[in-house]
Every structure is written in C-alpha cells, then in structure tokens.
Protein backbone atom coordinates (compact mmCIF):
# COMPACT_ATOMS: atom_id res chain seq x y z
CA MET A 1 59.85 -66.74 64.18
CA LYS A 2 62.94 -65.69 62.68
CA LYS A 3 64.74 -62.23 64.33
CA THR A 4 64.36 -60.10 61.24
CA SER A 5 60.54 -60.71 61.38
CA VAL A 6 60.16 -59.92 64.88
CA ALA A 7 62.23 -56.54 64.07
CA ARG A 8 59.69 -55.89 61.48
CA LEU A 9 56.90 -56.29 63.65
CA LEU A 10 58.24 -53.79 66.31
CA ALA A 11 59.02 -51.18 63.73
CA PRO A 12 56.82 -48.28 64.09
CA ALA A 13 54.63 -48.12 61.22
CA ILE A 14 54.74 -44.87 58.61
CA VAL A 15 51.22 -43.28 59.19
CA LEU A 16 50.41 -40.79 56.56
CA LEU A 17 49.06 -37.67 58.16
CA ALA A 18 48.48 -35.20 55.49
CA PRO A 19 46.49 -34.99 52.92
CA ALA A 20 43.95 -37.07 54.90
CA PRO A 21 42.31 -40.02 53.30
CA GLU A 22 39.75 -38.80 50.87
CA GLU A 23 40.37 -35.18 51.41
CA THR A 24 39.86 -32.79 48.80
CA VAL A 25 42.86 -30.35 48.57
CA SER A 26 42.81 -26.78 46.80
CA LEU A 27 45.90 -25.57 44.75
CA TRP A 28 44.59 -22.06 44.93
CA THR A 29 46.03 -19.28 47.44
CA PRO A 30 43.50 -17.60 49.65
CA PHE A 31 44.07 -14.25 47.59
CA GLN A 32 43.35 -16.43 44.09
CA ARG A 33 40.02 -17.82 45.70
CA ASP A 34 38.97 -14.44 47.02
CA PHE A 35 39.41 -13.07 43.25
CA ALA A 36 37.65 -16.20 41.81
CA THR A 37 34.60 -15.68 43.74
CA ARG A 38 34.39 -12.10 44.26
CA GLU A 39 36.14 -10.53 41.63
CA ALA A 40 36.53 -12.54 38.40
CA ALA A 41 33.96 -11.15 35.78
CA ARG A 42 31.60 -14.06 34.57
CA ALA A 43 29.75 -11.70 32.38
CA ARG A 44 30.46 -8.77 30.07
CA ALA A 45 30.65 -5.08 31.72
CA PRO A 46 29.99 -1.72 30.29
CA ARG A 47 33.03 -0.28 28.58
CA LYS A 48 35.61 1.76 30.52
CA ASP A 49 37.66 4.35 28.89
CA VAL A 50 40.88 2.32 30.07
CA PHE A 51 43.77 1.91 27.47
CA ILE A 52 46.52 -0.79 28.06
CA ASP A 53 49.85 0.14 27.17
CA TYR A 54 50.78 -3.55 26.52
CA LEU A 55 54.46 -2.53 25.63
CA ASN A 56 55.31 -0.54 28.46
CA LEU A 57 53.82 -2.70 31.62
CA THR A 58 55.10 -1.74 35.01
CA PRO A 59 55.51 -4.96 37.04
CA SER A 60 54.55 -5.01 40.79
CA LYS A 61 56.58 -6.69 43.52
CA VAL A 62 54.17 -9.18 44.71
CA ASP A 63 53.08 -11.96 42.73
CA HIS A 64 49.83 -13.70 43.41
CA SER A 65 49.90 -16.07 40.67
CA ILE A 66 51.88 -18.84 42.31
CA PRO A 67 49.73 -21.58 43.27
CA GLU A 68 49.58 -23.27 46.81
CA PRO A 69 51.40 -26.59 47.07
CA VAL A 70 50.29 -29.99 48.33
CA VAL A 71 52.01 -30.24 51.46
CA PHE A 72 52.42 -34.16 52.08
CA LYS A 73 53.23 -35.04 55.91
CA TRP A 74 53.93 -38.45 57.41
CA SER A 75 55.08 -40.04 60.82
CA GLY A 76 56.78 -43.12 62.03
CA ALA A 77 59.58 -43.51 59.46
CA PRO A 78 62.71 -44.94 61.02
CA GLU A 79 65.04 -42.20 62.30
CA LYS A 80 67.88 -42.73 59.43
CA GLY A 81 67.16 -43.23 56.11
CA ARG A 82 65.88 -41.41 53.06
CA ARG A 83 62.37 -41.25 52.85
CA THR A 84 60.72 -41.73 49.33
CA LEU A 85 57.40 -40.21 48.58
CA GLU A 86 55.39 -41.79 45.71
CA ILE A 87 52.48 -40.21 44.26
CA ALA A 88 50.63 -42.10 41.52
CA GLU A 89 47.64 -40.54 39.37
CA GLY A 90 44.51 -42.48 39.57
CA SER A 91 41.71 -43.62 42.23
CA ASP A 92 43.10 -47.17 42.52
CA PRO A 93 46.48 -47.94 43.76
CA GLU A 94 46.32 -51.17 42.05
CA THR A 95 46.07 -49.20 38.77
CA ALA A 96 47.11 -45.98 39.40
CA LYS A 97 50.46 -44.64 37.60
CA VAL A 98 53.22 -43.34 39.36
CA VAL A 99 53.94 -40.14 38.02
CA ILE A 100 55.93 -38.31 41.02
CA ARG A 101 58.87 -40.09 43.26
CA HIS A 102 60.91 -37.60 45.33
CA GLU A 103 63.52 -38.43 48.42
CA THR A 104 63.66 -36.38 51.37
CA GLU A 105 65.04 -36.65 54.79
CA LYS A 106 62.23 -35.11 56.28
CA ASP A 107 58.77 -36.46 57.29
CA SER A 108 57.24 -33.55 55.04
CA PHE A 109 57.44 -32.62 51.28
CA ALA A 110 55.78 -29.97 49.30
CA VAL A 111 54.75 -30.78 46.09
CA TYR A 112 53.60 -28.04 43.17
CA ASN A 113 51.70 -28.46 39.71
CA LEU A 114 49.50 -31.41 40.47
CA LYS A 115 46.16 -31.55 38.08
CA ILE A 116 43.10 -30.20 39.04
CA ALA A 117 39.88 -32.33 39.45
CA THR A 118 41.98 -35.52 39.56
CA PHE A 119 42.53 -38.48 42.23
CA TYR A 120 45.96 -39.30 43.56
CA CYS A 121 47.30 -42.08 45.62
CA TRP A 122 50.45 -41.86 47.79
CA ARG A 123 52.48 -43.53 50.05
CA VAL A 124 56.22 -43.39 51.75
CA THR A 125 58.88 -45.86 51.87
CA CYS A 126 61.82 -45.78 54.27
CA GLY A 127 64.43 -48.54 55.17
CA GLY A 128 62.33 -51.37 53.59
CA PHE A 129 59.24 -50.23 55.39
CA SER A 130 56.40 -49.01 53.55
CA SER A 131 53.17 -47.11 54.54
CA ALA A 132 49.71 -48.20 53.16
CA TRP A 133 48.33 -46.03 50.02
CA SER A 134 46.13 -43.16 50.51
CA ARG A 135 43.95 -41.48 48.35
CA PHE A 136 42.97 -37.82 47.75
CA ARG A 137 41.65 -35.48 45.23
CA VAL A 138 42.32 -32.02 43.77
CA ALA A 139 39.56 -29.89 43.53
CA ASP A 140 38.03 -28.91 40.54
CA GLU A 141 39.07 -25.15 40.65
CA ALA A 142 40.21 -23.69 36.97
CA PRO A 143 42.47 -22.18 36.01
CA ARG A 144 45.01 -24.51 37.42
CA TRP A 145 48.09 -22.20 38.05
CA ILE A 146 51.35 -23.43 37.65
CA TYR A 147 54.35 -22.45 39.48
CA VAL A 148 57.56 -22.33 37.46
CA PRO A 149 60.31 -20.58 39.21
CA GLY A 150 61.24 -17.04 37.78
CA ALA A 151 58.01 -17.09 35.48
CA THR A 152 54.78 -15.36 36.41
CA ASN A 153 51.27 -15.92 35.25
CA VAL A 154 51.61 -19.22 34.34
CA ARG A 155 48.44 -21.20 33.96
CA ASP A 156 47.48 -24.58 32.06
CA LEU A 157 44.81 -23.65 29.26
CA GLY A 158 43.36 -27.30 30.40
CA GLY A 159 40.79 -28.21 33.31
CA TYR A 160 37.81 -26.03 31.85
CA LYS A 161 34.68 -27.46 31.05
CA THR A 162 33.05 -26.89 27.60
CA LYS A 163 29.58 -26.19 27.10
CA SER A 164 28.95 -29.61 25.84
CA GLY A 165 30.49 -31.23 29.08
CA GLU A 166 33.61 -32.25 27.81
CA ARG A 167 36.83 -31.34 29.64
CA VAL A 168 39.98 -29.47 28.16
CA ARG A 169 42.88 -31.79 28.79
CA GLN A 170 45.42 -30.73 31.20
CA GLY A 171 49.12 -30.70 30.66
CA MET A 172 49.10 -29.69 26.93
CA ILE A 173 49.15 -26.07 26.55
CA TYR A 174 50.72 -23.45 28.95
CA ARG A 175 50.58 -19.70 28.98
CA GLY A 176 52.79 -17.73 30.99
CA SER A 177 55.73 -14.84 30.96
CA GLU A 178 58.91 -14.75 29.13
CA PHE A 179 61.97 -16.33 30.32
CA ASP A 180 64.46 -13.38 29.68
CA ARG A 181 64.30 -9.78 29.53
CA HIS A 182 62.06 -8.89 32.06
CA GLN A 183 61.42 -12.04 33.53
CA ILE A 184 64.24 -14.22 34.25
CA ILE A 185 63.41 -17.89 34.66
CA LYS A 186 65.58 -19.70 37.40
CA PRO A 187 67.37 -23.30 36.76
CA SER A 188 64.56 -24.73 39.05
CA GLY A 189 62.25 -23.16 36.73
CA LYS A 190 63.77 -24.84 33.54
CA LEU A 191 63.87 -28.24 35.60
CA VAL A 192 60.05 -27.84 36.06
CA LEU A 193 59.62 -27.35 32.38
CA TYR A 194 61.97 -30.30 31.22
CA ARG A 195 61.15 -32.64 34.10
CA ASP A 196 57.76 -32.00 35.13
CA ILE A 197 56.18 -30.55 32.26
CA LYS A 198 58.31 -32.10 29.44
CA LEU A 199 57.98 -29.17 27.39
CA LYS A 200 58.49 -29.87 23.65
CA THR A 201 57.48 -26.07 22.16
CA ASP A 202 58.44 -23.03 23.30
CA LEU A 203 55.92 -20.43 21.25
CA ASP A 204 57.37 -16.99 21.64
CA LEU A 205 54.77 -14.33 20.38
CA ARG A 206 57.01 -11.45 20.74
CA GLY A 207 58.03 -9.45 17.87
CA GLY A 208 60.33 -6.47 16.97
CA THR A 209 63.10 -5.35 19.48
CA GLU A 210 61.87 -8.35 21.83
CA VAL A 211 63.44 -10.87 19.57
CA PRO A 212 66.63 -9.17 17.73
CA PRO A 213 68.53 -10.64 15.10
CA GLY A 214 70.71 -13.58 16.30
CA TYR A 215 68.37 -14.19 19.15
CA LYS A 216 69.06 -17.16 21.23
CA PRO A 217 66.30 -18.80 23.07
CA THR A 218 66.63 -19.30 26.91
CA LEU A 219 65.57 -22.84 26.89
CA ASP A 220 68.06 -25.94 25.74
CA PRO A 221 66.91 -26.29 21.95
CA GLU A 222 68.05 -29.99 22.15
CA LYS A 223 64.85 -30.50 24.75
CA VAL A 224 62.68 -27.88 23.30
CA GLN A 225 62.06 -26.37 19.78
CA TRP A 226 61.81 -22.35 19.84
CA VAL A 227 59.24 -21.14 17.25
CA ASN A 228 58.62 -17.48 17.06
CA VAL A 229 54.88 -16.36 15.68
CA ALA A 230 55.17 -12.60 16.39
CA ILE A 231 51.46 -11.41 16.85
CA ARG A 232 49.36 -8.62 18.31
CA PRO A 233 46.44 -8.14 20.61
CA TYR A 234 42.78 -7.23 20.90
CA ASP A 235 41.26 -5.37 18.10
CA MET A 236 44.58 -5.22 16.13
CA ILE A 237 44.35 -8.92 15.18
CA PHE A 238 41.87 -7.99 12.64
CA CYS A 239 43.74 -7.61 9.62
CA ASP A 240 45.12 -10.13 6.84
CA GLU A 241 48.56 -9.90 8.33
CA GLN A 242 47.52 -10.88 11.70
CA ALA A 243 44.95 -13.59 10.83
CA LYS A 244 47.75 -15.33 9.03
CA GLN A 245 49.97 -15.24 11.84
CA TYR A 246 47.27 -16.49 14.21
CA ALA A 247 46.54 -19.38 11.83
CA ARG A 248 50.18 -20.42 11.37
CA ILE A 249 49.81 -20.84 15.58
CA LEU A 250 46.58 -23.18 14.89
CA LYS A 251 48.41 -25.19 12.16
CA LEU A 252 51.24 -25.75 14.86
CA LEU A 253 48.53 -26.98 17.93
CA ALA A 254 47.12 -29.07 15.03
CA ASP A 255 49.79 -31.32 15.02
CA GLU A 256 50.35 -33.56 18.21
CA LYS A 257 53.93 -34.00 18.28
CA ASN A 258 54.50 -30.37 19.32
CA TYR A 259 53.02 -31.00 22.53
CA PRO A 260 53.14 -29.91 25.41
CA VAL A 261 53.38 -26.32 24.19
CA TYR A 262 54.19 -23.17 26.45
CA PHE A 263 53.14 -19.93 24.83
CA HIS A 264 54.32 -16.49 25.90
CA CYS A 265 54.62 -12.80 25.15
CA TRP A 266 55.98 -10.54 27.75
CA GLY A 267 53.73 -11.44 30.57
CA SER A 268 51.06 -13.45 28.47
CA ALA A 269 48.54 -10.76 29.74
CA ASP A 270 47.59 -9.17 26.32
CA ARG A 271 48.95 -10.83 23.39
CA GLY A 272 48.78 -14.32 25.30
CA GLY A 273 45.55 -13.02 26.71
CA THR A 274 44.11 -12.54 23.30
CA LEU A 275 45.43 -16.03 21.71
CA ALA A 276 44.05 -17.69 25.02
CA VAL A 277 40.74 -15.99 24.34
CA LEU A 278 40.61 -17.45 20.85
CA LEU A 279 41.48 -21.17 21.67
CA GLU A 280 39.31 -21.56 24.71
CA ALA A 281 36.48 -20.24 22.55
CA LEU A 282 37.33 -22.70 19.47
CA LEU A 283 37.28 -25.38 22.32
CA GLY A 284 34.08 -24.57 23.40
CA VAL A 285 34.82 -23.17 26.81
CA GLN A 286 32.03 -21.56 28.37
CA GLU A 287 32.17 -17.91 27.89
CA SER A 288 31.48 -17.11 31.76
CA ASP A 289 35.08 -19.05 32.15
CA ILE A 290 36.74 -17.36 29.16
CA LEU A 291 36.14 -13.99 30.62
CA ALA A 292 37.07 -14.98 34.22
CA ASP A 293 40.12 -16.35 32.74
CA TYR A 294 41.28 -13.30 31.04
CA GLU A 295 40.76 -11.37 34.31
CA PHE A 296 42.91 -14.01 36.29
CA THR A 297 46.12 -12.01 34.78
CA THR A 298 45.31 -9.37 37.47
CA CYS A 299 46.80 -11.98 40.20
CA SER A 300 49.94 -11.60 38.42
CA ILE A 301 52.61 -8.77 38.44
CA PHE A 302 51.38 -7.29 35.52
CA ALA A 303 48.39 -5.06 36.58
CA GLU A 304 44.62 -5.06 36.05
CA ARG A 305 42.76 -6.78 33.36
CA ARG A 306 39.08 -6.21 33.26
CA VAL A 307 36.61 -7.53 30.51
CA GLY A 308 35.28 -3.88 30.44
CA PHE A 309 38.77 -2.56 29.35
CA LYS A 310 38.32 -0.78 26.19
CA GLN A 311 40.72 -2.83 24.01
CA PHE A 312 39.16 -6.09 25.34
CA ASP A 313 35.52 -4.95 24.82
CA THR A 314 36.34 -4.13 21.20
CA LEU A 315 37.86 -7.54 20.64
CA LEU A 316 34.85 -9.10 21.80
CA GLU A 317 32.60 -6.62 19.53
CA LYS A 318 34.32 -7.71 16.30
CA LEU A 319 34.20 -11.34 17.35
CA ASP A 320 30.50 -10.93 17.86
CA ALA A 321 30.29 -9.70 14.33
CA LEU A 322 31.74 -12.54 12.96
CA SER A 323 29.07 -14.97 14.79
CA PRO A 324 27.17 -14.67 17.81
CA ASP A 325 28.56 -17.70 18.94
CA LEU A 326 31.86 -17.36 20.39
CA ALA A 327 33.38 -20.84 19.25
CA GLU A 328 32.12 -20.24 15.72
CA ALA A 329 33.52 -16.78 15.59
CA ALA A 330 37.04 -17.77 16.77
CA ALA A 331 36.82 -20.57 13.91
CA ARG A 332 35.80 -18.30 11.62
CA TYR A 333 38.92 -16.08 12.38
CA PHE A 334 41.23 -18.54 12.18
CA LEU A 335 39.90 -19.54 9.18
CA SER A 336 40.16 -16.15 7.37
CA GLY A 337 44.07 -16.68 8.02
CA GLY A 338 44.47 -19.58 6.20
CA ALA A 339 43.44 -22.45 8.68
CA THR A 340 41.32 -25.21 7.72
CA ARG A 341 38.16 -27.00 9.31
CA GLU A 342 40.37 -29.93 9.27
CA ASP A 343 43.09 -27.91 11.62
CA ILE A 344 40.31 -26.89 14.01
CA ALA A 345 39.07 -30.68 14.07
CA ALA A 346 42.63 -31.75 15.00
CA PHE A 347 43.19 -29.23 17.67
CA ARG A 348 39.83 -30.07 19.27
CA ARG A 349 40.78 -33.76 18.98
CA ILE A 350 43.92 -33.19 20.77
CA MET A 351 42.70 -31.15 23.39
CA LEU A 352 39.47 -32.42 24.32
CA GLU A 353 39.19 -35.53 26.68
CA LYS A 354 37.50 -38.27 25.06
C-alpha cells in the first residue's frame, strides 16, 4: 500500500457535530418564538383608540427582528489549512445544489438567512479530506426573518401557506427598513443584498422630504434598480391617486425580470405594512397569518403594531366593504387603480410555488 494511502487512512475523520443529522433547526430567537406563540394576533380585535404617527417614529435601542443563525460545528479537521463549508439546498446530496460555500480557519461557522421549511445537506472539506454529507431541515416557521446588517424589520414575504394549500415562494419579495437617513445599512448589509439575496429592485415607498430632488439611492445602480413609488398607509390609500400608486407597484411585481424585490418606507411598519397586507391577501395567505405578520413589526425597533389600532382596523373595514373575501377585496382595490386581472394572474404565477 502506498504511503499516501496509509497517511489518508491514519488521518482523523472530519466529523459533523451540528446541526445533527436529520435535526430540525429554528431561525427564530426565543423572543420571536414567544411573540409568535403568545402575542401575535391571529384574529381581529376590538378597536383601540390608538393613533400611529408613522412619520415621527421613535426607534428603540433593542432590535428583536434579527433572526438566529444556524451554527455549523465539526471536529477532526487537520490542524492546518482552511476549512470549506458547503451547504446544498435539497434533501438528497446527489441532486442538491450547493448554494453557500464559506472558508474559515475555525471548526464552526454561523450562517444566516437560510430558507424556512427546507432541507439542506452539508459537508466540510480540508486539506484534501472531506466529511460525509449530513442533512437537516429548517423549521416551518413564518415569517422568515432576514439579517441585513444596518437594517431592521427585514422579512421575506414568502414561506406562508395559502388558503388553497400552496406556499408563497421565498427569496422573491422582501420588506424592511430604509438604508439611509434613520437606518444606515452597513457594508456587510450591502453584501447580503448583492451576493446572498441577489437583489434586482429597490422599491422605495417614501415620498416628500424623504426623497428630495437629486436624491441618490444608497445601493449601486449598476447592480440594483431604484424605483420610487410614494404611497400612504391604512385608510389613506382609498383615493384615486393612491390606488394608482399601488397599481403601479403591482404592475412592477407582475414582471419577473424585476425580482428579487426589496420594498421599504422608513421602517416597513405602516406603509410597508399596508402593502404587505394587500400583497399577502392577493396571494391568498390566510387572514390569521396576515394579521400576525402585521403585528410582527413589534419585534423591530419601531414600537407596537396591533390589529386593534384604529388605523389598521379602519383599513380592514374598508377592505371588507370591497368584498368579504380578503383576496378578492385586495384584487378589487388594485383594479380600481388601473391594474388588470392579467397583472394579478402574473403576480400569483410568479409568487406561488407550483
């Protein structure tokens, strides 16, 4: 037997420790899980006389919207040499596609922003040696919180189940805070948007003094197109001018070449929250999930958002007047602004898993 073969036989095996084989891991923090299970409303609540001054927010210093990473750990790698962590999306390592590859000199690595309700396979290689593949699954817990350093309240609109049993596609539409003014995105946050999310469209919902003449977007225009469609939230959307603005957004989302899309106002709490309600309703997401998703903004730095607050309750009342079915109410609203049934069908075709 050749010496090289003997050396390989004597070399310690690379053993994968965490996630354990077939483990289901959660991306939620304890705070997020507690909020989801004990606080987030799944039904409408009596109206509270609480008015949200959405243009004069007072951010808190504690941000609970940042998700947990998946921490990968292993042992037995040679003392010298960089370790390469490969993560493949899929349940079978023979067919799974490698979506993440990181190099490190340590025997652990934290990875953010994996998809929910998804199987992954992973392995580690070092110095010509490789571990076996191992498989784990990310828990089916929506919303899928996203970590973009410097931003807050970042979520994937995907991952939710619809009333018909379909799932909204992940990695297509994200909502979150702005990147400048009150929230300043970090260079590492830009890297997440460019490299990991592969963002194509920055949909800016701000207006007025928030977007002054000559405004230059924060993200590189060579990588990400900036589209500014100024909107207002809650019951203020029920006028011709606002309906046209929301219809413009739907037409942009009916074109697959614009994806992935990140939409934001200041904090994606009110204007972004209203748009999220309409889009989720249009896709057929269950009302209980839509209501809870609105309240999850409470986990960010922008204070409480509750379904019983006056403006949100009025929004639901006015949608009810369009149709008792929330999906049809959202459709009629977009149609009133100039969108077409074809736009709605295209949006659903893009966003719903086959």
